[in-house]
Amino acid sequence: FHLYAWLTEAVGERGAVMPEFPTGNGKVDLLVRGEGKAGVIEVKSFRAMHELPKARKQAARYARGQGLGAAAVALFVPTEDEAVLAALSGQEVVDGVTVTVVAIGWG
C-alpha cells in the first residue's frame, strides 16, 4: 500500500491511481491515468524465479485489457543485493506488450 500511497501523491490532481485488489492470490494491480496517458503496474512479491514469467504474462494481459502496449511489474524482493535486483529487473515483449520488471529490494 506504500506504493499506492506514493503514486497517489505523485500523480496528485493531474490524474488518478486505481487499485484492483486481490481476491486472495496476493497481488494488487494498479491502473494509473492522467493527462491523456495511462499505465498499469502489476505488484508482486518475489517467491521463486519460476514465477517471474507468469508475472510478466499477467502484466501483459492486464495491459492488453486496458488497451495499452506496455506494463510494469513492481517486484518486491527480500534482499538489498544490487546484483540480484539487477538480474531480476529488465524488459521483455510478452504477447506484443512491452513488460518492464523493476525489482525493489527490502531487507
PDB file of N, CA and C in Angstrom:
ATOM      1  N   PHE A   1       0.805  -1.205   0.000  1.00  0.00           N
ATOM      2  CA  PHE A   1       0.000   0.000   0.000  1.00  0.00           C
ATOM      3  C   PHE A   1       0.848   1.269   0.000  1.00  0.00           C
ATOM      4  N   HIS A   2       2.128   1.131   0.359  1.00  0.00           N
ATOM      5  CA  HIS A   2       3.010   2.296   0.321  1.00  0.00           C
ATOM      6  C   HIS A   2       3.212   2.770  -1.121  1.00  0.00           C
ATOM      7  N   LEU A   3       3.344   1.838  -2.047  1.00  0.00           N
ATOM      8  CA  LEU A   3       3.491   2.201  -3.454  1.00  0.00           C
ATOM      9  C   LEU A   3       2.244   2.938  -3.937  1.00  0.00           C
ATOM     10  N   TYR A   4       1.075   2.430  -3.589  1.00  0.00           N
ATOM     11  CA  TYR A   4      -0.185   3.078  -3.962  1.00  0.00           C
ATOM     12  C   TYR A   4      -0.237   4.500  -3.394  1.00  0.00           C
ATOM     13  N   ALA A   5       0.121   4.654  -2.122  1.00  0.00           N
ATOM     14  CA  ALA A   5       0.089   5.982  -1.492  1.00  0.00           C
ATOM     15  C   ALA A   5       1.083   6.927  -2.172  1.00  0.00           C
ATOM     16  N   TRP A   6       2.292   6.425  -2.471  1.00  0.00           N
ATOM     17  CA  TRP A   6       3.297   7.257  -3.130  1.00  0.00           C
ATOM     18  C   TRP A   6       2.818   7.681  -4.516  1.00  0.00           C
ATOM     19  N   LEU A   7       2.278   6.740  -5.290  1.00  0.00           N
ATOM     20  CA  LEU A   7       1.791   7.063  -6.630  1.00  0.00           C
ATOM     21  C   LEU A   7       0.652   8.082  -6.580  1.00  0.00           C
ATOM     22  N   THR A   8      -0.251   7.903  -5.635  1.00  0.00           N
ATOM     23  CA  THR A   8      -1.372   8.834  -5.491  1.00  0.00           C
ATOM     24  C   THR A   8      -0.856  10.241  -5.229  1.00  0.00           C
ATOM     25  N   GLU A   9       0.153  10.348  -4.371  1.00  0.00           N
ATOM     26  CA  GLU A   9       0.745  11.648  -4.067  1.00  0.00           C
ATOM     27  C   GLU A   9       1.468  12.206  -5.290  1.00  0.00           C
ATOM     28  N   ALA A  10       2.202  11.356  -5.999  1.00  0.00           N
ATOM     29  CA  ALA A  10       2.969  11.800  -7.167  1.00  0.00           C
ATOM     30  C   ALA A  10       2.061  12.273  -8.299  1.00  0.00           C
ATOM     31  N   VAL A  11       0.981  11.560  -8.519  1.00  0.00           N
ATOM     32  CA  VAL A  11       0.046  11.920  -9.597  1.00  0.00           C
ATOM     33  C   VAL A  11      -0.756  13.154  -9.218  1.00  0.00           C
ATOM     34  N   GLY A  12      -1.116  13.258  -7.949  1.00  0.00           N
ATOM     35  CA  GLY A  12      -1.844  14.420  -7.449  1.00  0.00           C
ATOM     36  C   GLY A  12      -3.167  14.625  -8.161  1.00  0.00           C
ATOM     37  N   GLU A  13      -3.480  15.870  -8.433  1.00  0.00           N
ATOM     38  CA  GLU A  13      -4.748  16.220  -9.074  1.00  0.00           C
ATOM     39  C   GLU A  13      -4.707  16.035 -10.588  1.00  0.00           C
ATOM     40  N   ARG A  14      -3.539  15.694 -11.134  1.00  0.00           N
ATOM     41  CA  ARG A  14      -3.405  15.529 -12.584  1.00  0.00           C
ATOM     42  C   ARG A  14      -3.966  14.205 -13.076  1.00  0.00           C
ATOM     43  N   GLY A  15      -4.289  13.305 -12.154  1.00  0.00           N
ATOM     44  CA  GLY A  15      -4.779  12.003 -12.588  1.00  0.00           C
ATOM     45  C   GLY A  15      -5.291  11.194 -11.421  1.00  0.00           C
ATOM     46  N   ALA A  16      -5.300   9.888 -11.608  1.00  0.00           N
ATOM     47  CA  ALA A  16      -5.828   9.003 -10.573  1.00  0.00           C
ATOM     48  C   ALA A  16      -5.075   7.677 -10.596  1.00  0.00           C
ATOM     49  N   VAL A  17      -4.968   7.081  -9.426  1.00  0.00           N
ATOM     50  CA  VAL A  17      -4.408   5.748  -9.274  1.00  0.00           C
ATOM     51  C   VAL A  17      -5.535   4.868  -8.764  1.00  0.00           C
ATOM     52  N   MET A  18      -5.858   3.848  -9.538  1.00  0.00           N
ATOM     53  CA  MET A  18      -6.977   2.986  -9.179  1.00  0.00           C
ATOM     54  C   MET A  18      -6.491   1.561  -8.936  1.00  0.00           C
ATOM     55  N   PRO A  19      -6.552   1.114  -7.679  1.00  0.00           N
ATOM     56  CA  PRO A  19      -6.120  -0.257  -7.399  1.00  0.00           C
ATOM     57  C   PRO A  19      -7.209  -1.260  -7.721  1.00  0.00           C
ATOM     58  N   GLU A  20      -6.780  -2.423  -8.166  1.00  0.00           N
ATOM     59  CA  GLU A  20      -7.679  -3.558  -8.310  1.00  0.00           C
ATOM     60  C   GLU A  20      -7.177  -4.560  -7.302  1.00  0.00           C
ATOM     61  N   PHE A  21      -7.907  -4.719  -6.216  1.00  0.00           N
ATOM     62  CA  PHE A  21      -7.429  -5.507  -5.086  1.00  0.00           C
ATOM     63  C   PHE A  21      -7.524  -7.000  -5.355  1.00  0.00           C
ATOM     64  N   PRO A  22      -6.693  -7.759  -4.649  1.00  0.00           N
ATOM     65  CA  PRO A  22      -6.633  -9.206  -4.872  1.00  0.00           C
ATOM     66  C   PRO A  22      -7.860  -9.931  -4.342  1.00  0.00           C
ATOM     67  N   THR A  23      -8.022 -11.115  -4.834  1.00  0.00           N
ATOM     68  CA  THR A  23      -9.099 -11.975  -4.355  1.00  0.00           C
ATOM     69  C   THR A  23      -8.479 -13.167  -3.645  1.00  0.00           C
ATOM     70  N   GLY A  24      -7.444 -12.903  -2.847  1.00  0.00           N
ATOM     71  CA  GLY A  24      -6.797 -13.954  -2.094  1.00  0.00           C
ATOM     72  C   GLY A  24      -5.534 -14.499  -2.723  1.00  0.00           C
ATOM     73  N   ASN A  25      -5.133 -13.967  -3.880  1.00  0.00           N
ATOM     74  CA  ASN A  25      -3.948 -14.502  -4.540  1.00  0.00           C
ATOM     75  C   ASN A  25      -2.693 -13.672  -4.268  1.00  0.00           C
ATOM     76  N   GLY A  26      -2.783 -12.658  -3.412  1.00  0.00           N
ATOM     77  CA  GLY A  26      -1.603 -11.910  -3.006  1.00  0.00           C
ATOM     78  C   GLY A  26      -1.130 -10.848  -3.977  1.00  0.00           C
ATOM     79  N   LYS A  27      -1.941 -10.469  -4.954  1.00  0.00           N
ATOM     80  CA  LYS A  27      -1.489  -9.466  -5.907  1.00  0.00           C
ATOM     81  C   LYS A  27      -2.410  -8.261  -5.907  1.00  0.00           C
ATOM     82  N   VAL A  28      -1.848  -7.150  -6.280  1.00  0.00           N
ATOM     83  CA  VAL A  28      -2.608  -5.923  -6.463  1.00  0.00           C
ATOM     84  C   VAL A  28      -2.162  -5.336  -7.791  1.00  0.00           C
ATOM     85  N   ASP A  29      -3.108  -4.956  -8.611  1.00  0.00           N
ATOM     86  CA  ASP A  29      -2.809  -4.278  -9.862  1.00  0.00           C
ATOM     87  C   ASP A  29      -3.172  -2.815  -9.688  1.00  0.00           C
ATOM     88  N   LEU A  30      -2.377  -1.944 -10.296  1.00  0.00           N
ATOM     89  CA  LEU A  30      -2.650  -0.517 -10.230  1.00  0.00           C
ATOM     90  C   LEU A  30      -2.809   0.028 -11.640  1.00  0.00           C
ATOM     91  N   LEU A  31      -3.854   0.773 -11.841  1.00  0.00           N
ATOM     92  CA  LEU A  31      -4.100   1.472 -13.101  1.00  0.00           C
ATOM     93  C   LEU A  31      -3.878   2.956 -12.817  1.00  0.00           C
ATOM     94  N   VAL A  32      -2.956   3.556 -13.558  1.00  0.00           N
ATOM     95  CA  VAL A  32      -2.620   4.967 -13.376  1.00  0.00           C
ATOM     96  C   VAL A  32      -3.077   5.720 -14.616  1.00  0.00           C
ATOM     97  N   ARG A  33      -3.911   6.745 -14.423  1.00  0.00           N
ATOM     98  CA  ARG A  33      -4.412   7.551 -15.530  1.00  0.00           C
ATOM     99  C   ARG A  33      -4.206   9.022 -15.221  1.00  0.00           C
ATOM    100  N   GLY A  34      -3.866   9.769 -16.264  1.00  0.00           N
ATOM    101  CA  GLY A  34      -3.733  11.207 -16.084  1.00  0.00           C
ATOM    102  C   GLY A  34      -3.159  11.873 -17.311  1.00  0.00           C
ATOM    103  N   GLU A  35      -3.619  13.081 -17.552  1.00  0.00           N
ATOM    104  CA  GLU A  35      -3.131  13.918 -18.653  1.00  0.00           C
ATOM    105  C   GLU A  35      -3.095  13.167 -19.976  1.00  0.00           C
ATOM    106  N   GLY A  36      -4.144  12.412 -20.259  1.00  0.00           N
ATOM    107  CA  GLY A  36      -4.253  11.713 -21.528  1.00  0.00           C
ATOM    108  C   GLY A  36      -3.406  10.464 -21.641  1.00  0.00           C
ATOM    109  N   LYS A  37      -2.832  10.012 -20.550  1.00  0.00           N
ATOM    110  CA  LYS A  37      -1.982   8.825 -20.562  1.00  0.00           C
ATOM    111  C   LYS A  37      -2.507   7.810 -19.549  1.00  0.00           C
ATOM    112  N   ALA A  38      -2.096   6.555 -19.748  1.00  0.00           N
ATOM    113  CA  ALA A  38      -2.487   5.504 -18.813  1.00  0.00           C
ATOM    114  C   ALA A  38      -1.359   4.500 -18.706  1.00  0.00           C
ATOM    115  N   GLY A  39      -1.295   3.838 -17.583  1.00  0.00           N
ATOM    116  CA  GLY A  39      -0.299   2.803 -17.378  1.00  0.00           C
ATOM    117  C   GLY A  39      -0.789   1.794 -16.368  1.00  0.00           C
ATOM    118  N   VAL A  40      -0.222   0.598 -16.419  1.00  0.00           N
ATOM    119  CA  VAL A  40      -0.586  -0.433 -15.454  1.00  0.00           C
ATOM    120  C   VAL A  40       0.665  -0.938 -14.748  1.00  0.00           C
ATOM    121  N   ILE A  41       0.481  -1.270 -13.481  1.00  0.00           N
ATOM    122  CA  ILE A  41       1.557  -1.824 -12.678  1.00  0.00           C
ATOM    123  C   ILE A  41       1.025  -3.083 -11.991  1.00  0.00           C
ATOM    124  N   GLU A  42       1.687  -4.178 -12.229  1.00  0.00           N
ATOM    125  CA  GLU A  42       1.394  -5.444 -11.548  1.00  0.00           C
ATOM    126  C   GLU A  42       2.342  -5.489 -10.346  1.00  0.00           C
ATOM    127  N   VAL A  43       1.805  -5.601  -9.151  1.00  0.00           N
ATOM    128  CA  VAL A  43       2.619  -5.617  -7.932  1.00  0.00           C
ATOM    129  C   VAL A  43       2.758  -7.054  -7.458  1.00  0.00           C
ATOM    130  N   LYS A  44       4.002  -7.486  -7.282  1.00  0.00           N
ATOM    131  CA  LYS A  44       4.275  -8.867  -6.893  1.00  0.00           C
ATOM    132  C   LYS A  44       5.334  -8.923  -5.799  1.00  0.00           C
ATOM    133  N   SER A  45       5.257  -9.971  -4.991  1.00  0.00           N
ATOM    134  CA  SER A  45       6.308 -10.307  -4.041  1.00  0.00           C
ATOM    135  C   SER A  45       7.072 -11.480  -4.627  1.00  0.00           C
ATOM    136  N   PHE A  46       8.391 -11.356  -4.682  1.00  0.00           N
ATOM    137  CA  PHE A  46       9.211 -12.426  -5.248  1.00  0.00           C
ATOM    138  C   PHE A  46       9.238 -13.610  -4.299  1.00  0.00           C
ATOM    139  N   ARG A  47       8.911 -14.778  -4.847  1.00  0.00           N
ATOM    140  CA  ARG A  47       8.976 -16.013  -4.071  1.00  0.00           C
ATOM    141  C   ARG A  47       9.945 -16.997  -4.708  1.00  0.00           C
ATOM    142  N   ALA A  48       9.864 -17.124  -6.029  1.00  0.00           N
ATOM    143  CA  ALA A  48      10.719 -18.076  -6.744  1.00  0.00           C
ATOM    144  C   ALA A  48      10.884 -17.608  -8.180  1.00  0.00           C
ATOM    145  N   MET A  49      12.040 -17.915  -8.751  1.00  0.00           N
ATOM    146  CA  MET A  49      12.366 -17.480 -10.109  1.00  0.00           C
ATOM    147  C   MET A  49      11.357 -17.986 -11.134  1.00  0.00           C
ATOM    148  N   HIS A  50      10.840 -19.203 -10.953  1.00  0.00           N
ATOM    149  CA  HIS A  50       9.928 -19.764 -11.945  1.00  0.00           C
ATOM    150  C   HIS A  50       8.590 -19.020 -12.007  1.00  0.00           C
ATOM    151  N   GLU A  51       8.299 -18.150 -11.037  1.00  0.00           N
ATOM    152  CA  GLU A  51       7.056 -17.381 -11.043  1.00  0.00           C
ATOM    153  C   GLU A  51       7.156 -16.089 -11.866  1.00  0.00           C
ATOM    154  N   LEU A  52       8.371 -15.669 -12.200  1.00  0.00           N
ATOM    155  CA  LEU A  52       8.558 -14.410 -12.908  1.00  0.00           C
ATOM    156  C   LEU A  52       7.918 -14.389 -14.298  1.00  0.00           C
ATOM    157  N   PRO A  53       8.039 -15.444 -15.112  1.00  0.00           N
ATOM    158  CA  PRO A  53       7.350 -15.430 -16.412  1.00  0.00           C
ATOM    159  C   PRO A  53       5.830 -15.295 -16.278  1.00  0.00           C
ATOM    160  N   LYS A  54       5.256 -15.912 -15.265  1.00  0.00           N
ATOM    161  CA  LYS A  54       3.811 -15.795 -15.035  1.00  0.00           C
ATOM    162  C   LYS A  54       3.439 -14.351 -14.684  1.00  0.00           C
ATOM    163  N   ALA A  55       4.268 -13.693 -13.886  1.00  0.00           N
ATOM    164  CA  ALA A  55       4.015 -12.293 -13.528  1.00  0.00           C
ATOM    165  C   ALA A  55       4.056 -11.409 -14.769  1.00  0.00           C
ATOM    166  N   ARG A  56       5.021 -11.672 -15.651  1.00  0.00           N
ATOM    167  CA  ARG A  56       5.104 -10.905 -16.897  1.00  0.00           C
ATOM    168  C   ARG A  56       3.857 -11.118 -17.745  1.00  0.00           C
ATOM    169  N   LYS A  57       3.414 -12.363 -17.859  1.00  0.00           N
ATOM    170  CA  LYS A  57       2.209 -12.670 -18.649  1.00  0.00           C
ATOM    171  C   LYS A  57       0.979 -11.982 -18.057  1.00  0.00           C
ATOM    172  N   GLN A  58       0.862 -11.995 -16.733  1.00  0.00           N
ATOM    173  CA  GLN A  58      -0.271 -11.330 -16.079  1.00  0.00           C
ATOM    174  C   GLN A  58      -0.261  -9.838 -16.375  1.00  0.00           C
ATOM    175  N   ALA A  59       0.913  -9.230 -16.295  1.00  0.00           N
ATOM    176  CA  ALA A  59       1.026  -7.799 -16.578  1.00  0.00           C
ATOM    177  C   ALA A  59       0.660  -7.504 -18.029  1.00  0.00           C
ATOM    178  N   ALA A  60       1.124  -8.339 -18.946  1.00  0.00           N
ATOM    179  CA  ALA A  60       0.808  -8.152 -20.366  1.00  0.00           C
ATOM    180  C   ALA A  60      -0.697  -8.281 -20.603  1.00  0.00           C
ATOM    181  N   ARG A  61      -1.309  -9.268 -19.988  1.00  0.00           N
ATOM    182  CA  ARG A  61      -2.755  -9.477 -20.140  1.00  0.00           C
ATOM    183  C   ARG A  61      -3.534  -8.285 -19.587  1.00  0.00           C
ATOM    184  N   TYR A  62      -3.107  -7.779 -18.436  1.00  0.00           N
ATOM    185  CA  TYR A  62      -3.754  -6.624 -17.817  1.00  0.00           C
ATOM    186  C   TYR A  62      -3.636  -5.398 -18.724  1.00  0.00           C
ATOM    187  N   ALA A  63      -2.445  -5.153 -19.262  1.00  0.00           N
ATOM    188  CA  ALA A  63      -2.240  -4.002 -20.152  1.00  0.00           C
ATOM    189  C   ALA A  63      -3.089  -4.131 -21.404  1.00  0.00           C
ATOM    190  N   ARG A  64      -3.080  -5.298 -22.003  1.00  0.00           N
ATOM    191  CA  ARG A  64      -3.878  -5.526 -23.217  1.00  0.00           C
ATOM    192  C   ARG A  64      -5.359  -5.286 -22.936  1.00  0.00           C
ATOM    193  N   GLY A  65      -5.817  -5.720 -21.783  1.00  0.00           N
ATOM    194  CA  GLY A  65      -7.213  -5.500 -21.394  1.00  0.00           C
ATOM    195  C   GLY A  65      -7.572  -4.033 -21.247  1.00  0.00           C
ATOM    196  N   GLN A  66      -6.564  -3.213 -20.983  1.00  0.00           N
ATOM    197  CA  GLN A  66      -6.773  -1.766 -20.860  1.00  0.00           C
ATOM    198  C   GLN A  66      -6.467  -1.040 -22.169  1.00  0.00           C
ATOM    199  N   GLY A  67      -6.136  -1.809 -23.203  1.00  0.00           N
ATOM    200  CA  GLY A  67      -5.815  -1.210 -24.497  1.00  0.00           C
ATOM    201  C   GLY A  67      -4.430  -0.586 -24.554  1.00  0.00           C
ATOM    202  N   LEU A  68      -3.510  -1.066 -23.729  1.00  0.00           N
ATOM    203  CA  LEU A  68      -2.173  -0.492 -23.649  1.00  0.00           C
ATOM    204  C   LEU A  68      -1.129  -1.444 -24.226  1.00  0.00           C
ATOM    205  N   GLY A  69      -0.032  -0.881 -24.692  1.00  0.00           N
ATOM    206  CA  GLY A  69       1.035  -1.677 -25.276  1.00  0.00           C
ATOM    207  C   GLY A  69       2.214  -1.908 -24.346  1.00  0.00           C
ATOM    208  N   ALA A  70       2.086  -1.445 -23.093  1.00  0.00           N
ATOM    209  CA  ALA A  70       3.187  -1.610 -22.140  1.00  0.00           C
ATOM    210  C   ALA A  70       2.634  -1.775 -20.732  1.00  0.00           C
ATOM    211  N   ALA A  71       3.434  -2.419 -19.883  1.00  0.00           N
ATOM    212  CA  ALA A  71       3.071  -2.621 -18.481  1.00  0.00           C
ATOM    213  C   ALA A  71       4.342  -2.681 -17.659  1.00  0.00           C
ATOM    214  N   ALA A  72       4.183  -2.494 -16.359  1.00  0.00           N
ATOM    215  CA  ALA A  72       5.307  -2.621 -15.441  1.00  0.00           C
ATOM    216  C   ALA A  72       4.967  -3.647 -14.373  1.00  0.00           C
ATOM    217  N   VAL A  73       5.997  -4.333 -13.902  1.00  0.00           N
ATOM    218  CA  VAL A  73       5.871  -5.230 -12.751  1.00  0.00           C
ATOM    219  C   VAL A  73       6.766  -4.662 -11.665  1.00  0.00           C
ATOM    220  N   ALA A  74       6.162  -4.295 -10.534  1.00  0.00           N
ATOM    221  CA  ALA A  74       6.933  -3.882  -9.357  1.00  0.00           C
ATOM    222  C   ALA A  74       7.131  -5.150  -8.540  1.00  0.00           C
ATOM    223  N   LEU A  75       8.359  -5.653  -8.535  1.00  0.00           N
ATOM    224  CA  LEU A  75       8.669  -6.934  -7.907  1.00  0.00           C
ATOM    225  C   LEU A  75       9.435  -6.681  -6.611  1.00  0.00           C
ATOM    226  N   PHE A  76       8.784  -6.926  -5.491  1.00  0.00           N
ATOM    227  CA  PHE A  76       9.411  -6.713  -4.192  1.00  0.00           C
ATOM    228  C   PHE A  76      10.184  -7.966  -3.799  1.00  0.00           C
ATOM    229  N   VAL A  77      11.481  -7.784  -3.537  1.00  0.00           N
ATOM    230  CA  VAL A  77      12.401  -8.898  -3.314  1.00  0.00           C
ATOM    231  C   VAL A  77      13.052  -8.733  -1.933  1.00  0.00           C
ATOM    232  N   PRO A  78      13.072  -9.800  -1.120  1.00  0.00           N
ATOM    233  CA  PRO A  78      13.635  -9.688   0.226  1.00  0.00           C
ATOM    234  C   PRO A  78      15.167  -9.712   0.249  1.00  0.00           C
ATOM    235  N   THR A  79      15.764  -8.774  -0.452  1.00  0.00           N
ATOM    236  CA  THR A  79      17.224  -8.624  -0.448  1.00  0.00           C
ATOM    237  C   THR A  79      17.560  -7.194  -0.821  1.00  0.00           C
ATOM    238  N   GLU A  80      18.744  -6.784  -0.443  1.00  0.00           N
ATOM    239  CA  GLU A  80      19.244  -5.476  -0.869  1.00  0.00           C
ATOM    240  C   GLU A  80      20.458  -5.641  -1.768  1.00  0.00           C
ATOM    241  N   ASP A  81      20.717  -6.876  -2.200  1.00  0.00           N
ATOM    242  CA  ASP A  81      21.854  -7.188  -3.066  1.00  0.00           C
ATOM    243  C   ASP A  81      21.578  -6.624  -4.458  1.00  0.00           C
ATOM    244  N   GLU A  82      22.338  -5.601  -4.848  1.00  0.00           N
ATOM    245  CA  GLU A  82      22.122  -4.914  -6.119  1.00  0.00           C
ATOM    246  C   GLU A  82      22.273  -5.850  -7.325  1.00  0.00           C
ATOM    247  N   ALA A  83      23.160  -6.826  -7.232  1.00  0.00           N
ATOM    248  CA  ALA A  83      23.348  -7.762  -8.344  1.00  0.00           C
ATOM    249  C   ALA A  83      22.103  -8.622  -8.546  1.00  0.00           C
ATOM    250  N   VAL A  84      21.498  -9.062  -7.471  1.00  0.00           N
ATOM    251  CA  VAL A  84      20.263  -9.862  -7.553  1.00  0.00           C
ATOM    252  C   VAL A  84      19.138  -9.008  -8.124  1.00  0.00           C
ATOM    253  N   LEU A  85      19.002  -7.793  -7.619  1.00  0.00           N
ATOM    254  CA  LEU A  85      17.943  -6.898  -8.106  1.00  0.00           C
ATOM    255  C   LEU A  85      18.118  -6.598  -9.589  1.00  0.00           C
ATOM    256  N   ALA A  86      19.355  -6.369 -10.018  1.00  0.00           N
ATOM    257  CA  ALA A  86      19.623  -6.099 -11.436  1.00  0.00           C
ATOM    258  C   ALA A  86      19.298  -7.312 -12.295  1.00  0.00           C
ATOM    259  N   ALA A  87      19.609  -8.509 -11.798  1.00  0.00           N
ATOM    260  CA  ALA A  87      19.340  -9.730 -12.555  1.00  0.00           C
ATOM    261  C   ALA A  87      17.841  -9.984 -12.721  1.00  0.00           C
ATOM    262  N   LEU A  88      17.048  -9.585 -11.740  1.00  0.00           N
ATOM    263  CA  LEU A  88      15.602  -9.794 -11.804  1.00  0.00           C
ATOM    264  C   LEU A  88      14.889  -8.710 -12.622  1.00  0.00           C
ATOM    265  N   SER A  89      15.505  -7.553 -12.747  1.00  0.00           N
ATOM    266  CA  SER A  89      14.908  -6.435 -13.476  1.00  0.00           C
ATOM    267  C   SER A  89      15.189  -6.576 -14.970  1.00  0.00           C
ATOM    268  N   GLY A  90      14.340  -5.960 -15.773  1.00  0.00           N
ATOM    269  CA  GLY A  90      14.578  -5.967 -17.208  1.00  0.00           C
ATOM    270  C   GLY A  90      13.303  -5.737 -17.994  1.00  0.00           C
ATOM    271  N   GLN A  91      13.446  -5.786 -19.298  1.00  0.00           N
ATOM    272  CA  GLN A  91      12.323  -5.525 -20.197  1.00  0.00           C
ATOM    273  C   GLN A  91      12.215  -6.655 -21.207  1.00  0.00           C
ATOM    274  N   GLU A  92      10.965  -7.027 -21.503  1.00  0.00           N
ATOM    275  CA  GLU A  92      10.711  -8.122 -22.437  1.00  0.00           C
ATOM    276  C   GLU A  92       9.360  -7.875 -23.109  1.00  0.00           C
ATOM    277  N   VAL A  93       9.252  -8.264 -24.359  1.00  0.00           N
ATOM    278  CA  VAL A  93       7.972  -8.185 -25.056  1.00  0.00           C
ATOM    279  C   VAL A  93       7.255  -9.519 -24.852  1.00  0.00           C
ATOM    280  N   VAL A  94       6.063  -9.437 -24.282  1.00  0.00           N
ATOM    281  CA  VAL A  94       5.256 -10.618 -23.989  1.00  0.00           C
ATOM    282  C   VAL A  94       3.915 -10.465 -24.697  1.00  0.00           C
ATOM    283  N   ASP A  95       3.640 -11.338 -25.625  1.00  0.00           N
ATOM    284  CA  ASP A  95       2.374 -11.298 -26.376  1.00  0.00           C
ATOM    285  C   ASP A  95       2.107  -9.909 -26.957  1.00  0.00           C
ATOM    286  N   GLY A  96       3.156  -9.277 -27.474  1.00  0.00           N
ATOM    287  CA  GLY A  96       3.016  -7.972 -28.106  1.00  0.00           C
ATOM    288  C   GLY A  96       3.010  -6.787 -27.153  1.00  0.00           C
ATOM    289  N   VAL A  97       3.167  -7.032 -25.863  1.00  0.00           N
ATOM    290  CA  VAL A  97       3.168  -5.966 -24.857  1.00  0.00           C
ATOM    291  C   VAL A  97       4.568  -5.871 -24.257  1.00  0.00           C
ATOM    292  N   THR A  98       5.105  -4.656 -24.187  1.00  0.00           N
ATOM    293  CA  THR A  98       6.404  -4.454 -23.556  1.00  0.00           C
ATOM    294  C   THR A  98       6.218  -4.443 -22.046  1.00  0.00           C
ATOM    295  N   VAL A  99       6.847  -5.407 -21.369  1.00  0.00           N
ATOM    296  CA  VAL A  99       6.724  -5.537 -19.916  1.00  0.00           C
ATOM    297  C   VAL A  99       8.081  -5.220 -19.292  1.00  0.00           C
ATOM    298  N   THR A 100       8.080  -4.243 -18.387  1.00  0.00           N
ATOM    299  CA  THR A 100       9.290  -3.850 -17.676  1.00  0.00           C
ATOM    300  C   THR A 100       9.174  -4.313 -16.234  1.00  0.00           C
ATOM    301  N   VAL A 101      10.125  -5.129 -15.805  1.00  0.00           N
ATOM    302  CA  VAL A 101      10.175  -5.587 -14.416  1.00  0.00           C
ATOM    303  C   VAL A 101      11.185  -4.724 -13.673  1.00  0.00           C
ATOM    304  N   VAL A 102      10.740  -4.174 -12.545  1.00  0.00           N
ATOM    305  CA  VAL A 102      11.615  -3.398 -11.682  1.00  0.00           C
ATOM    306  C   VAL A 102      11.647  -4.101 -10.331  1.00  0.00           C
ATOM    307  N   ALA A 103      12.794  -4.690 -10.004  1.00  0.00           N
ATOM    308  CA  ALA A 103      12.957  -5.367  -8.720  1.00  0.00           C
ATOM    309  C   ALA A 103      13.295  -4.329  -7.656  1.00  0.00           C
ATOM    310  N   ILE A 104      12.542  -4.364  -6.565  1.00  0.00           N
ATOM    311  CA  ILE A 104      12.691  -3.400  -5.478  1.00  0.00           C
ATOM    312  C   ILE A 104      13.097  -4.185  -4.234  1.00  0.00           C
ATOM    313  N   GLY A 105      14.271  -3.872  -3.709  1.00  0.00           N
ATOM    314  CA  GLY A 105      14.786  -4.617  -2.573  1.00  0.00           C
ATOM    315  C   GLY A 105      14.285  -4.099  -1.245  1.00  0.00           C
ATOM    316  N   TRP A 106      14.161  -5.019  -0.341  1.00  0.00           N
ATOM    317  CA  TRP A 106      13.840  -4.671   1.046  1.00  0.00           C
ATOM    318  C   TRP A 106      14.541  -5.700   1.930  1.00  0.00           C
ATOM    319  N   GLY A 107      14.966  -5.288   3.048  1.00  0.00           N
ATOM    320  CA  GLY A 107      15.738  -6.185   3.896  1.00  0.00           C
ATOM    321  C   GLY A 107      15.258  -6.150   5.268  1.00  0.00           C
TER     322      GLY A 107
END
